[in-house]
């Protein structure tokens, strides 16, 4: 009976493996959105990133066999359990509200450009 109770709790090894995977994903892409396919807030962030011309990696946690482990690891790492969980240039910038706020204050595009997610085009002038 004790083992049944224990199955709901992730082992330290599982959590560490998931954390290592999350960190590898974040370090391999200028912009990463940890998302779930059915989440409207996630969809809004992805639409905004597409709208501003950013290239980004989406990791749909509900489509990954270890998605719940990665979400738990992200909660440990960032203090955020919710999605979307957005990283720009390797730094956690938060969720939908944070990304929208950065866009509204003019901070998002420069962050994305600095991270290499938006290509800087030479002016024709």
PDB file of N, CA and C in Angstrom:
ATOM      1  N   UNK A   1       0.818  -1.194   0.000  1.00  0.00           N
ATOM      2  CA  UNK A   1       0.000   0.000   0.000  1.00  0.00           C
ATOM      3  C   UNK A   1       0.868   1.266   0.000  1.00  0.00           C
ATOM      4  N   UNK A   2       1.973   1.229   0.663  1.00  0.00           N
ATOM      5  CA  UNK A   2       2.866   2.385   0.684  1.00  0.00           C
ATOM      6  C   UNK A   2       3.408   2.726  -0.686  1.00  0.00           C
ATOM      7  N   UNK A   3       3.606   1.729  -1.544  1.00  0.00           N
ATOM      8  CA  UNK A   3       4.139   1.992  -2.872  1.00  0.00           C
ATOM      9  C   UNK A   3       3.127   2.710  -3.759  1.00  0.00           C
ATOM     10  N   UNK A   4       1.851   2.469  -3.557  1.00  0.00           N
ATOM     11  CA  UNK A   4       0.822   3.154  -4.336  1.00  0.00           C
ATOM     12  C   UNK A   4       0.853   4.648  -4.037  1.00  0.00           C
ATOM     13  N   UNK A   5       0.975   4.998  -2.774  1.00  0.00           N
ATOM     14  CA  UNK A   5       1.067   6.396  -2.375  1.00  0.00           C
ATOM     15  C   UNK A   5       2.315   7.025  -2.986  1.00  0.00           C
ATOM     16  N   UNK A   6       3.399   6.276  -3.006  1.00  0.00           N
ATOM     17  CA  UNK A   6       4.668   6.780  -3.519  1.00  0.00           C
ATOM     18  C   UNK A   6       4.675   7.036  -5.010  1.00  0.00           C
ATOM     19  N   UNK A   7       3.780   6.416  -5.781  1.00  0.00           N
ATOM     20  CA  UNK A   7       3.815   6.580  -7.233  1.00  0.00           C
ATOM     21  C   UNK A   7       3.376   7.965  -7.684  1.00  0.00           C
ATOM     22  N   UNK A   8       2.633   8.671  -6.855  1.00  0.00           N
ATOM     23  CA  UNK A   8       2.204  10.015  -7.227  1.00  0.00           C
ATOM     24  C   UNK A   8       3.323  11.037  -7.078  1.00  0.00           C
ATOM     25  N   UNK A   9       4.303  10.725  -6.278  1.00  0.00           N
ATOM     26  CA  UNK A   9       5.410  11.632  -6.009  1.00  0.00           C
ATOM     27  C   UNK A   9       6.555  11.310  -6.977  1.00  0.00           C
ATOM     28  N   UNK A  10       7.087  12.323  -7.616  1.00  0.00           N
ATOM     29  CA  UNK A  10       8.208  12.128  -8.532  1.00  0.00           C
ATOM     30  C   UNK A  10       9.490  11.937  -7.736  1.00  0.00           C
ATOM     31  N   UNK A  11      10.299  11.000  -8.212  1.00  0.00           N
ATOM     32  CA  UNK A  11      11.579  10.798  -7.543  1.00  0.00           C
ATOM     33  C   UNK A  11      12.498  11.967  -7.867  1.00  0.00           C
ATOM     34  N   UNK A  12      13.503  12.146  -7.025  1.00  0.00           N
ATOM     35  CA  UNK A  12      14.473  13.214  -7.277  1.00  0.00           C
ATOM     36  C   UNK A  12      15.165  13.007  -8.617  1.00  0.00           C
ATOM     37  N   UNK A  13      15.407  11.746  -8.961  1.00  0.00           N
ATOM     38  CA  UNK A  13      16.084  11.432 -10.228  1.00  0.00           C
ATOM     39  C   UNK A  13      15.211  11.833 -11.423  1.00  0.00           C
ATOM     40  N   UNK A  14      13.906  11.516 -11.347  1.00  0.00           N
ATOM     41  CA  UNK A  14      12.989  11.880 -12.432  1.00  0.00           C
ATOM     42  C   UNK A  14      12.903  13.392 -12.583  1.00  0.00           C
ATOM     43  N   UNK A  15      12.809  14.074 -11.468  1.00  0.00           N
ATOM     44  CA  UNK A  15      12.729  15.528 -11.490  1.00  0.00           C
ATOM     45  C   UNK A  15      14.020  16.130 -12.049  1.00  0.00           C
ATOM     46  N   UNK A  16      15.160  15.574 -11.650  1.00  0.00           N
ATOM     47  CA  UNK A  16      16.445  16.079 -12.141  1.00  0.00           C
ATOM     48  C   UNK A  16      16.590  15.840 -13.641  1.00  0.00           C
ATOM     49  N   UNK A  17      16.156  14.667 -14.120  1.00  0.00           N
ATOM     50  CA  UNK A  17      16.218  14.380 -15.560  1.00  0.00           C
ATOM     51  C   UNK A  17      15.337  15.359 -16.338  1.00  0.00           C
ATOM     52  N   UNK A  18      14.147  15.619 -15.814  1.00  0.00           N
ATOM     53  CA  UNK A  18      13.226  16.551 -16.473  1.00  0.00           C
ATOM     54  C   UNK A  18      13.796  17.967 -16.451  1.00  0.00           C
ATOM     55  N   UNK A  19      14.405  18.355 -15.344  1.00  0.00           N
ATOM     56  CA  UNK A  19      15.010  19.680 -15.234  1.00  0.00           C
ATOM     57  C   UNK A  19      16.161  19.819 -16.222  1.00  0.00           C
ATOM     58  N   UNK A  20      16.987  18.789 -16.321  1.00  0.00           N
ATOM     59  CA  UNK A  20      18.094  18.812 -17.291  1.00  0.00           C
ATOM     60  C   UNK A  20      17.569  18.951 -18.715  1.00  0.00           C
ATOM     61  N   UNK A  21      16.488  18.230 -19.027  1.00  0.00           N
ATOM     62  CA  UNK A  21      15.895  18.307 -20.363  1.00  0.00           C
ATOM     63  C   UNK A  21      15.355  19.711 -20.627  1.00  0.00           C
ATOM     64  N   UNK A  22      14.641  20.286 -19.654  1.00  0.00           N
ATOM     65  CA  UNK A  22      14.095  21.634 -19.811  1.00  0.00           C
ATOM     66  C   UNK A  22      15.224  22.640 -20.034  1.00  0.00           C
ATOM     67  N   UNK A  23      16.283  22.534 -19.262  1.00  0.00           N
ATOM     68  CA  UNK A  23      17.407  23.470 -19.402  1.00  0.00           C
ATOM     69  C   UNK A  23      18.093  23.301 -20.751  1.00  0.00           C
ATOM     70  N   UNK A  24      18.183  22.061 -21.236  1.00  0.00           N
ATOM     71  CA  UNK A  24      18.773  21.804 -22.551  1.00  0.00           C
ATOM     72  C   UNK A  24      17.924  22.434 -23.655  1.00  0.00           C
ATOM     73  N   UNK A  25      16.608  22.291 -23.547  1.00  0.00           N
ATOM     74  CA  UNK A  25      15.690  22.893 -24.530  1.00  0.00           C
ATOM     75  C   UNK A  25      15.854  24.414 -24.524  1.00  0.00           C
ATOM     76  N   UNK A  26      15.861  25.005 -23.341  1.00  0.00           N
ATOM     77  CA  UNK A  26      15.972  26.466 -23.212  1.00  0.00           C
ATOM     78  C   UNK A  26      17.306  26.970 -23.763  1.00  0.00           C
ATOM     79  N   UNK A  27      18.382  26.240 -23.500  1.00  0.00           N
ATOM     80  CA  UNK A  27      19.696  26.705 -23.959  1.00  0.00           C
ATOM     81  C   UNK A  27      19.908  26.477 -25.457  1.00  0.00           C
ATOM     82  N   UNK A  28      19.061  25.662 -26.082  1.00  0.00           N
ATOM     83  CA  UNK A  28      19.226  25.337 -27.501  1.00  0.00           C
ATOM     84  C   UNK A  28      18.422  26.230 -28.440  1.00  0.00           C
ATOM     85  N   UNK A  29      17.574  27.093 -27.893  1.00  0.00           N
ATOM     86  CA  UNK A  29      16.701  27.926 -28.723  1.00  0.00           C
ATOM     87  C   UNK A  29      16.633  29.340 -28.155  1.00  0.00           C
ATOM     88  N   UNK A  30      16.603  30.347 -29.039  1.00  0.00           N
ATOM     89  CA  UNK A  30      16.519  31.734 -28.557  1.00  0.00           C
ATOM     90  C   UNK A  30      15.244  32.006 -27.754  1.00  0.00           C
ATOM     91  N   UNK A  31      14.125  31.390 -28.184  1.00  0.00           N
ATOM     92  CA  UNK A  31      12.849  31.587 -27.506  1.00  0.00           C
ATOM     93  C   UNK A  31      12.156  30.237 -27.372  1.00  0.00           C
ATOM     94  N   UNK A  32      11.702  29.935 -26.162  1.00  0.00           N
ATOM     95  CA  UNK A  32      10.989  28.685 -25.907  1.00  0.00           C
ATOM     96  C   UNK A  32       9.682  29.006 -25.189  1.00  0.00           C
ATOM     97  N   UNK A  33       8.612  28.378 -25.672  1.00  0.00           N
ATOM     98  CA  UNK A  33       7.308  28.497 -25.030  1.00  0.00           C
ATOM     99  C   UNK A  33       6.899  27.101 -24.567  1.00  0.00           C
ATOM    100  N   UNK A  34       6.891  26.878 -23.263  1.00  0.00           N
ATOM    101  CA  UNK A  34       6.340  25.646 -22.709  1.00  0.00           C
ATOM    102  C   UNK A  34       4.841  25.887 -22.641  1.00  0.00           C
ATOM    103  N   UNK A  35       4.078  25.021 -23.314  1.00  0.00           N
ATOM    104  CA  UNK A  35       2.683  25.293 -23.593  1.00  0.00           C
ATOM    105  C   UNK A  35       1.848  24.034 -23.409  1.00  0.00           C
ATOM    106  N   UNK A  36       0.545  24.194 -23.528  1.00  0.00           N
ATOM    107  CA  UNK A  36      -0.386  23.067 -23.653  1.00  0.00           C
ATOM    108  C   UNK A  36      -1.323  23.409 -24.802  1.00  0.00           C
ATOM    109  N   UNK A  37      -1.647  22.410 -25.604  1.00  0.00           N
ATOM    110  CA  UNK A  37      -2.385  22.640 -26.850  1.00  0.00           C
ATOM    111  C   UNK A  37      -3.747  23.276 -26.634  1.00  0.00           C
ATOM    112  N   UNK A  38      -4.376  23.013 -25.497  1.00  0.00           N
ATOM    113  CA  UNK A  38      -5.734  23.504 -25.249  1.00  0.00           C
ATOM    114  C   UNK A  38      -5.771  24.826 -24.477  1.00  0.00           C
ATOM    115  N   UNK A  39      -4.623  25.414 -24.202  1.00  0.00           N
ATOM    116  CA  UNK A  39      -4.549  26.616 -23.364  1.00  0.00           C
ATOM    117  C   UNK A  39      -4.677  27.883 -24.209  1.00  0.00           C
ATOM    118  N   UNK A  40      -5.713  28.663 -23.939  1.00  0.00           N
ATOM    119  CA  UNK A  40      -5.928  29.914 -24.652  1.00  0.00           C
ATOM    120  C   UNK A  40      -4.833  30.946 -24.419  1.00  0.00           C
ATOM    121  N   UNK A  41      -4.293  30.989 -23.211  1.00  0.00           N
ATOM    122  CA  UNK A  41      -3.202  31.931 -22.905  1.00  0.00           C
ATOM    123  C   UNK A  41      -1.951  31.568 -23.699  1.00  0.00           C
ATOM    124  N   UNK A  42      -1.707  30.274 -23.828  1.00  0.00           N
ATOM    125  CA  UNK A  42      -0.562  29.801 -24.618  1.00  0.00           C
ATOM    126  C   UNK A  42      -0.744  30.208 -26.079  1.00  0.00           C
ATOM    127  N   UNK A  43      -1.958  30.013 -26.579  1.00  0.00           N
ATOM    128  CA  UNK A  43      -2.266  30.367 -27.964  1.00  0.00           C
ATOM    129  C   UNK A  43      -2.038  31.854 -28.197  1.00  0.00           C
ATOM    130  N   UNK A  44      -2.426  32.690 -27.250  1.00  0.00           N
ATOM    131  CA  UNK A  44      -2.253  34.141 -27.382  1.00  0.00           C
ATOM    132  C   UNK A  44      -0.771  34.508 -27.477  1.00  0.00           C
ATOM    133  N   UNK A  45       0.053  33.885 -26.645  1.00  0.00           N
ATOM    134  CA  UNK A  45       1.496  34.155 -26.681  1.00  0.00           C
ATOM    135  C   UNK A  45       2.094  33.709 -28.016  1.00  0.00           C
ATOM    136  N   UNK A  46       1.707  32.531 -28.484  1.00  0.00           N
ATOM    137  CA  UNK A  46       2.230  32.023 -29.758  1.00  0.00           C
ATOM    138  C   UNK A  46       1.798  32.929 -30.911  1.00  0.00           C
ATOM    139  N   UNK A  47       0.549  33.408 -30.879  1.00  0.00           N
ATOM    140  CA  UNK A  47       0.072  34.328 -31.915  1.00  0.00           C
ATOM    141  C   UNK A  47       0.871  35.624 -31.904  1.00  0.00           C
ATOM    142  N   UNK A  48       1.129  36.157 -30.717  1.00  0.00           N
ATOM    143  CA  UNK A  48       1.878  37.408 -30.600  1.00  0.00           C
ATOM    144  C   UNK A  48       3.301  37.234 -31.129  1.00  0.00           C
ATOM    145  N   UNK A  49       3.954  36.155 -30.751  1.00  0.00           N
ATOM    146  CA  UNK A  49       5.322  35.913 -31.221  1.00  0.00           C
ATOM    147  C   UNK A  49       5.353  35.788 -32.740  1.00  0.00           C
ATOM    148  N   UNK A  50       4.371  35.111 -33.304  1.00  0.00           N
ATOM    149  CA  UNK A  50       4.282  34.983 -34.761  1.00  0.00           C
ATOM    150  C   UNK A  50       4.034  36.354 -35.391  1.00  0.00           C
ATOM    151  N   UNK A  51       3.150  37.128 -34.789  1.00  0.00           N
ATOM    152  CA  UNK A  51       2.787  38.462 -35.288  1.00  0.00           C
ATOM    153  C   UNK A  51       4.000  39.387 -35.360  1.00  0.00           C
ATOM    154  N   UNK A  52       4.885  39.316 -34.371  1.00  0.00           N
ATOM    155  CA  UNK A  52       6.058  40.205 -34.376  1.00  0.00           C
ATOM    156  C   UNK A  52       7.220  39.626 -35.184  1.00  0.00           C
ATOM    157  N   UNK A  53       7.015  38.440 -35.756  1.00  0.00           N
ATOM    158  CA  UNK A  53       8.029  37.854 -36.631  1.00  0.00           C
ATOM    159  C   UNK A  53       9.118  37.079 -35.920  1.00  0.00           C
ATOM    160  N   UNK A  54       8.844  36.633 -34.707  1.00  0.00           N
ATOM    161  CA  UNK A  54       9.856  35.896 -33.938  1.00  0.00           C
ATOM    162  C   UNK A  54       9.857  34.422 -34.332  1.00  0.00           C
ATOM    163  N   UNK A  55      11.038  33.834 -34.327  1.00  0.00           N
ATOM    164  CA  UNK A  55      11.116  32.381 -34.441  1.00  0.00           C
ATOM    165  C   UNK A  55      11.218  31.851 -33.007  1.00  0.00           C
ATOM    166  N   UNK A  56      10.504  30.775 -32.742  1.00  0.00           N
ATOM    167  CA  UNK A  56      10.469  30.251 -31.379  1.00  0.00           C
ATOM    168  C   UNK A  56      10.181  28.763 -31.409  1.00  0.00           C
ATOM    169  N   UNK A  57      10.544  28.099 -30.340  1.00  0.00           N
ATOM    170  CA  UNK A  57      10.319  26.664 -30.171  1.00  0.00           C
ATOM    171  C   UNK A  57       9.167  26.492 -29.192  1.00  0.00           C
ATOM    172  N   UNK A  58       8.170  25.711 -29.605  1.00  0.00           N
ATOM    173  CA  UNK A  58       7.046  25.404 -28.734  1.00  0.00           C
ATOM    174  C   UNK A  58       7.216  23.983 -28.237  1.00  0.00           C
ATOM    175  N   UNK A  59       7.066  23.808 -26.957  1.00  0.00           N
ATOM    176  CA  UNK A  59       7.137  22.488 -26.338  1.00  0.00           C
ATOM    177  C   UNK A  59       5.779  22.247 -25.686  1.00  0.00           C
ATOM    178  N   UNK A  60       4.929  21.453 -26.356  1.00  0.00           N
ATOM    179  CA  UNK A  60       3.572  21.184 -25.873  1.00  0.00           C
ATOM    180  C   UNK A  60       3.626  20.099 -24.800  1.00  0.00           C
ATOM    181  N   UNK A  61       3.500  20.513 -23.559  1.00  0.00           N
ATOM    182  CA  UNK A  61       3.654  19.587 -22.434  1.00  0.00           C
ATOM    183  C   UNK A  61       2.611  18.473 -22.438  1.00  0.00           C
ATOM    184  N   UNK A  62       1.403  18.756 -22.948  1.00  0.00           N
ATOM    185  CA  UNK A  62       0.360  17.733 -22.960  1.00  0.00           C
ATOM    186  C   UNK A  62       0.534  16.702 -24.074  1.00  0.00           C
ATOM    187  N   UNK A  63       1.516  16.912 -24.948  1.00  0.00           N
ATOM    188  CA  UNK A  63       1.779  15.957 -26.021  1.00  0.00           C
ATOM    189  C   UNK A  63       3.062  15.164 -25.780  1.00  0.00           C
ATOM    190  N   UNK A  64       3.752  15.453 -24.698  1.00  0.00           N
ATOM    191  CA  UNK A  64       5.011  14.781 -24.379  1.00  0.00           C
ATOM    192  C   UNK A  64       4.800  13.755 -23.281  1.00  0.00           C
ATOM    193  N   UNK A  65       5.425  12.596 -23.426  1.00  0.00           N
ATOM    194  CA  UNK A  65       5.261  11.546 -22.409  1.00  0.00           C
ATOM    195  C   UNK A  65       5.785  11.999 -21.049  1.00  0.00           C
ATOM    196  N   UNK A  66       6.793  12.866 -21.051  1.00  0.00           N
ATOM    197  CA  UNK A  66       7.347  13.363 -19.791  1.00  0.00           C
ATOM    198  C   UNK A  66       6.932  14.810 -19.518  1.00  0.00           C
ATOM    199  N   UNK A  67       5.856  15.239 -20.149  1.00  0.00           N
ATOM    200  CA  UNK A  67       5.401  16.627 -20.011  1.00  0.00           C
ATOM    201  C   UNK A  67       5.083  17.029 -18.587  1.00  0.00           C
ATOM    202  N   UNK A  68       4.441  16.133 -17.832  1.00  0.00           N
ATOM    203  CA  UNK A  68       4.111  16.488 -16.441  1.00  0.00           C
ATOM    204  C   UNK A  68       5.375  16.578 -15.590  1.00  0.00           C
ATOM    205  N   UNK A  69       6.362  15.739 -15.888  1.00  0.00           N
ATOM    206  CA  UNK A  69       7.644  15.819 -15.176  1.00  0.00           C
ATOM    207  C   UNK A  69       8.338  17.145 -15.489  1.00  0.00           C
ATOM    208  N   UNK A  70       8.310  17.534 -16.749  1.00  0.00           N
ATOM    209  CA  UNK A  70       8.953  18.788 -17.149  1.00  0.00           C
ATOM    210  C   UNK A  70       8.229  19.972 -16.526  1.00  0.00           C
ATOM    211  N   UNK A  71       6.891  19.907 -16.468  1.00  0.00           N
ATOM    212  CA  UNK A  71       6.141  20.993 -15.830  1.00  0.00           C
ATOM    213  C   UNK A  71       6.497  21.090 -14.351  1.00  0.00           C
ATOM    214  N   UNK A  72       6.645  19.963 -13.691  1.00  0.00           N
ATOM    215  CA  UNK A  72       7.043  19.965 -12.276  1.00  0.00           C
ATOM    216  C   UNK A  72       8.456  20.534 -12.121  1.00  0.00           C
ATOM    217  N   UNK A  73       9.348  20.166 -13.036  1.00  0.00           N
ATOM    218  CA  UNK A  73      10.723  20.674 -12.986  1.00  0.00           C
ATOM    219  C   UNK A  73      10.744  22.184 -13.233  1.00  0.00           C
ATOM    220  N   UNK A  74       9.923  22.656 -14.169  1.00  0.00           N
ATOM    221  CA  UNK A  74       9.835  24.101 -14.428  1.00  0.00           C
ATOM    222  C   UNK A  74       9.335  24.845 -13.197  1.00  0.00           C
ATOM    223  N   UNK A  75       8.399  24.240 -12.486  1.00  0.00           N
ATOM    224  CA  UNK A  75       7.879  24.866 -11.258  1.00  0.00           C
ATOM    225  C   UNK A  75       8.991  25.018 -10.230  1.00  0.00           C
ATOM    226  N   UNK A  76       9.821  23.986 -10.104  1.00  0.00           N
ATOM    227  CA  UNK A  76      10.964  24.048  -9.180  1.00  0.00           C
ATOM    228  C   UNK A  76      11.964  25.119  -9.625  1.00  0.00           C
ATOM    229  N   UNK A  77      12.235  25.168 -10.924  1.00  0.00           N
ATOM    230  CA  UNK A  77      13.259  26.044 -11.492  1.00  0.00           C
ATOM    231  C   UNK A  77      12.814  27.505 -11.502  1.00  0.00           C
ATOM    232  N   UNK A  78      11.568  27.751 -11.926  1.00  0.00           N
ATOM    233  CA  UNK A  78      11.132  29.128 -12.158  1.00  0.00           C
ATOM    234  C   UNK A  78      10.144  29.646 -11.121  1.00  0.00           C
ATOM    235  N   UNK A  79       9.579  28.731 -10.333  1.00  0.00           N
ATOM    236  CA  UNK A  79       8.548  29.127  -9.395  1.00  0.00           C
ATOM    237  C   UNK A  79       7.175  29.256 -10.057  1.00  0.00           C
ATOM    238  N   UNK A  80       7.093  28.912 -11.347  1.00  0.00           N
ATOM    239  CA  UNK A  80       5.841  28.982 -12.104  1.00  0.00           C
ATOM    240  C   UNK A  80       5.398  27.581 -12.489  1.00  0.00           C
ATOM    241  N   UNK A  81       4.218  27.204 -12.077  1.00  0.00           N
ATOM    242  CA  UNK A  81       3.673  25.907 -12.466  1.00  0.00           C
ATOM    243  C   UNK A  81       2.774  26.043 -13.691  1.00  0.00           C
ATOM    244  N   UNK A  82       2.284  27.249 -13.955  1.00  0.00           N
ATOM    245  CA  UNK A  82       1.321  27.464 -15.024  1.00  0.00           C
ATOM    246  C   UNK A  82       2.005  27.587 -16.383  1.00  0.00           C
ATOM    247  N   UNK A  83       1.192  27.412 -17.430  1.00  0.00           N
ATOM    248  CA  UNK A  83       1.642  27.640 -18.797  1.00  0.00           C
ATOM    249  C   UNK A  83       0.819  28.782 -19.374  1.00  0.00           C
ATOM    250  N   UNK A  84       1.367  29.519 -20.320  1.00  0.00           N
ATOM    251  CA  UNK A  84       2.681  29.322 -20.898  1.00  0.00           C
ATOM    252  C   UNK A  84       3.793  29.736 -19.931  1.00  0.00           C
ATOM    253  N   UNK A  85       4.925  29.123 -20.124  1.00  0.00           N
ATOM    254  CA  UNK A  85       6.120  29.472 -19.377  1.00  0.00           C
ATOM    255  C   UNK A  85       7.146  29.815 -20.450  1.00  0.00           C
ATOM    256  N   UNK A  86       7.477  31.093 -20.577  1.00  0.00           N
ATOM    257  CA  UNK A  86       8.230  31.600 -21.717  1.00  0.00           C
ATOM    258  C   UNK A  86       9.651  31.972 -21.315  1.00  0.00           C
ATOM    259  N   UNK A  87      10.590  31.555 -22.163  1.00  0.00           N
ATOM    260  CA  UNK A  87      12.005  31.887 -21.988  1.00  0.00           C
ATOM    261  C   UNK A  87      12.474  32.626 -23.225  1.00  0.00           C
ATOM    262  N   UNK A  88      13.149  33.744 -23.008  1.00  0.00           N
ATOM    263  CA  UNK A  88      13.757  34.510 -24.097  1.00  0.00           C
ATOM    264  C   UNK A  88      15.225  34.697 -23.767  1.00  0.00           C
ATOM    265  N   UNK A  89      16.081  34.267 -24.677  1.00  0.00           N
ATOM    266  CA  UNK A  89      17.523  34.377 -24.445  1.00  0.00           C
ATOM    267  C   UNK A  89      17.978  33.631 -23.207  1.00  0.00           C
ATOM    268  N   UNK A  90      17.331  32.515 -22.921  1.00  0.00           N
ATOM    269  CA  UNK A  90      17.709  31.692 -21.778  1.00  0.00           C
ATOM    270  C   UNK A  90      17.149  32.163 -20.445  1.00  0.00           C
ATOM    271  N   UNK A  91      16.435  33.287 -20.460  1.00  0.00           N
ATOM    272  CA  UNK A  91      15.877  33.829 -19.209  1.00  0.00           C
ATOM    273  C   UNK A  91      14.376  33.639 -19.180  1.00  0.00           C
ATOM    274  N   UNK A  92      13.856  33.267 -18.024  1.00  0.00           N
ATOM    275  CA  UNK A  92      12.418  33.113 -17.864  1.00  0.00           C
ATOM    276  C   UNK A  92      11.782  34.494 -17.791  1.00  0.00           C
ATOM    277  N   UNK A  93      10.834  34.754 -18.690  1.00  0.00           N
ATOM    278  CA  UNK A  93      10.157  36.056 -18.689  1.00  0.00           C
ATOM    279  C   UNK A  93       8.737  35.953 -18.157  1.00  0.00           C
ATOM    280  N   UNK A  94       8.295  34.746 -17.815  1.00  0.00           N
ATOM    281  CA  UNK A  94       6.982  34.587 -17.209  1.00  0.00           C
ATOM    282  C   UNK A  94       5.975  33.970 -18.149  1.00  0.00           C
ATOM    283  N   UNK A  95       4.722  34.372 -17.962  1.00  0.00           N
ATOM    284  CA  UNK A  95       3.627  33.804 -18.718  1.00  0.00           C
ATOM    285  C   UNK A  95       2.991  34.812 -19.648  1.00  0.00           C
ATOM    286  N   UNK A  96       1.743  34.570 -19.978  1.00  0.00           N
ATOM    287  CA  UNK A  96       1.019  35.390 -20.948  1.00  0.00           C
ATOM    288  C   UNK A  96       0.989  36.867 -20.540  1.00  0.00           C
ATOM    289  N   UNK A  97       0.587  37.151 -19.309  1.00  0.00           N
ATOM    290  CA  UNK A  97       0.489  38.549 -18.864  1.00  0.00           C
ATOM    291  C   UNK A  97       1.828  39.272 -18.983  1.00  0.00           C
ATOM    292  N   UNK A  98       2.901  38.601 -18.583  1.00  0.00           N
ATOM    293  CA  UNK A  98       4.240  39.216 -18.639  1.00  0.00           C
ATOM    294  C   UNK A  98       4.664  39.499 -20.074  1.00  0.00           C
ATOM    295  N   UNK A  99       4.412  38.547 -20.967  1.00  0.00           N
ATOM    296  CA  UNK A  99       4.793  38.726 -22.370  1.00  0.00           C
ATOM    297  C   UNK A  99       3.968  39.858 -23.000  1.00  0.00           C
ATOM    298  N   UNK A 100       2.670  39.871 -22.735  1.00  0.00           N
ATOM    299  CA  UNK A 100       1.821  40.946 -23.275  1.00  0.00           C
ATOM    300  C   UNK A 100       2.235  42.305 -22.731  1.00  0.00           C
ATOM    301  N   UNK A 101       2.570  42.352 -21.447  1.00  0.00           N
ATOM    302  CA  UNK A 101       3.012  43.613 -20.848  1.00  0.00           C
ATOM    303  C   UNK A 101       4.310  44.092 -21.489  1.00  0.00           C
ATOM    304  N   UNK A 102       5.242  43.175 -21.707  1.00  0.00           N
ATOM    305  CA  UNK A 102       6.502  43.555 -22.358  1.00  0.00           C
ATOM    306  C   UNK A 102       6.243  44.089 -23.769  1.00  0.00           C
ATOM    307  N   UNK A 103       5.283  43.491 -24.458  1.00  0.00           N
ATOM    308  CA  UNK A 103       4.944  43.957 -25.803  1.00  0.00           C
ATOM    309  C   UNK A 103       4.334  45.362 -25.737  1.00  0.00           C
ATOM    310  N   UNK A 104       3.410  45.569 -24.815  1.00  0.00           N
ATOM    311  CA  UNK A 104       2.720  46.857 -24.700  1.00  0.00           C
ATOM    312  C   UNK A 104       3.669  47.980 -24.293  1.00  0.00           C
ATOM    313  N   UNK A 105       4.721  47.656 -23.561  1.00  0.00           N
ATOM    314  CA  UNK A 105       5.676  48.681 -23.129  1.00  0.00           C
ATOM    315  C   UNK A 105       6.873  48.810 -24.074  1.00  0.00           C
ATOM    316  N   UNK A 106       6.822  48.068 -25.197  1.00  0.00           N
ATOM    317  CA  UNK A 106       7.886  48.172 -26.190  1.00  0.00           C
ATOM    318  C   UNK A 106       9.151  47.412 -25.850  1.00  0.00           C
ATOM    319  N   UNK A 107       9.101  46.524 -24.872  1.00  0.00           N
ATOM    320  CA  UNK A 107      10.296  45.778 -24.459  1.00  0.00           C
ATOM    321  C   UNK A 107      10.447  44.430 -25.154  1.00  0.00           C
ATOM    322  N   UNK A 108       9.343  43.888 -25.704  1.00  0.00           N
ATOM    323  CA  UNK A 108       9.375  42.525 -26.231  1.00  0.00           C
ATOM    324  C   UNK A 108      10.242  42.392 -27.481  1.00  0.00           C
ATOM    325  N   UNK A 109      10.004  43.227 -28.484  1.00  0.00           N
ATOM    326  CA  UNK A 109      10.750  43.103 -29.738  1.00  0.00           C
ATOM    327  C   UNK A 109      12.256  43.289 -29.525  1.00  0.00           C
ATOM    328  N   UNK A 110      12.693  44.282 -28.745  1.00  0.00           N
ATOM    329  CA  UNK A 110      14.136  44.373 -28.483  1.00  0.00           C
ATOM    330  C   UNK A 110      14.701  43.129 -27.789  1.00  0.00           C
ATOM    331  N   UNK A 111      13.942  42.558 -26.841  1.00  0.00           N
ATOM    332  CA  UNK A 111      14.385  41.321 -26.179  1.00  0.00           C
ATOM    333  C   UNK A 111      14.521  40.188 -27.180  1.00  0.00           C
ATOM    334  N   UNK A 112      13.527  40.048 -28.044  1.00  0.00           N
ATOM    335  CA  UNK A 112      13.537  38.989 -29.055  1.00  0.00           C
ATOM    336  C   UNK A 112      14.674  39.192 -30.050  1.00  0.00           C
ATOM    337  N   UNK A 113      14.909  40.444 -30.418  1.00  0.00           N
ATOM    338  CA  UNK A 113      15.984  40.763 -31.364  1.00  0.00           C
ATOM    339  C   UNK A 113      17.340  40.443 -30.742  1.00  0.00           C
ATOM    340  N   UNK A 114      17.526  40.853 -29.495  1.00  0.00           N
ATOM    341  CA  UNK A 114      18.776  40.596 -28.788  1.00  0.00           C
ATOM    342  C   UNK A 114      19.037  39.094 -28.642  1.00  0.00           C
ATOM    343  N   UNK A 115      17.979  38.335 -28.456  1.00  0.00           N
ATOM    344  CA  UNK A 115      18.113  36.883 -28.309  1.00  0.00           C
ATOM    345  C   UNK A 115      18.376  36.183 -29.635  1.00  0.00           C
ATOM    346  N   UNK A 116      18.200  36.908 -30.750  1.00  0.00           N
ATOM    347  CA  UNK A 116      18.414  36.311 -32.059  1.00  0.00           C
ATOM    348  C   UNK A 116      17.171  35.647 -32.640  1.00  0.00           C
ATOM    349  N   UNK A 117      16.028  35.969 -32.082  1.00  0.00           N
ATOM    350  CA  UNK A 117      14.765  35.376 -32.523  1.00  0.00           C
ATOM    351  C   UNK A 117      14.132  36.169 -33.674  1.00  0.00           C
ATOM    352  N   UNK A 118      14.468  37.438 -33.736  1.00  0.00           N
ATOM    353  CA  UNK A 118      13.980  38.297 -34.829  1.00  0.00           C
ATOM    354  C   UNK A 118      15.188  38.766 -35.605  1.00  0.00           C
ATOM    355  N   UNK A 119      15.127  38.565 -36.902  1.00  0.00           N
ATOM    356  CA  UNK A 119      16.216  38.966 -37.764  1.00  0.00           C
ATOM    357  C   UNK A 119      16.180  40.468 -37.973  1.00  0.00           C
ATOM    358  N   UNK A 120      17.308  41.110 -37.796  1.00  0.00           N
ATOM    359  CA  UNK A 120      17.379  42.542 -38.010  1.00  0.00           C
ATOM    360  C   UNK A 120      17.598  42.768 -39.497  1.00  0.00           C
ATOM    361  N   UNK A 121      16.673  43.500 -40.115  1.00  0.00           N
ATOM    362  CA  UNK A 121      16.768  43.759 -41.538  1.00  0.00           C
ATOM    363  C   UNK A 121      17.401  45.120 -41.762  1.00  0.00           C
ATOM    364  N   UNK A 122      18.292  45.159 -42.725  1.00  0.00           N
ATOM    365  CA  UNK A 122      18.941  46.423 -43.056  1.00  0.00           C
ATOM    366  C   UNK A 122      17.925  47.363 -43.684  1.00  0.00           C
ATOM    367  N   UNK A 123      17.989  48.599 -43.293  1.00  0.00           N
ATOM    368  CA  UNK A 123      17.072  49.606 -43.828  1.00  0.00           C
ATOM    369  C   UNK A 123      17.465  49.936 -45.265  1.00  0.00           C
ATOM    370  N   UNK A 124      16.468  50.126 -46.102  1.00  0.00           N
ATOM    371  CA  UNK A 124      16.723  50.469 -47.495  1.00  0.00           C
ATOM    372  C   UNK A 124      16.950  51.956 -47.695  1.00  0.00           C
ATOM    373  N   UNK A 125      17.024  52.703 -46.627  1.00  0.00           N
ATOM    374  CA  UNK A 125      17.194  54.164 -46.752  1.00  0.00           C
ATOM    375  C   UNK A 125      18.624  54.583 -46.798  1.00  0.00           C
TER     376      UNK A 125
END
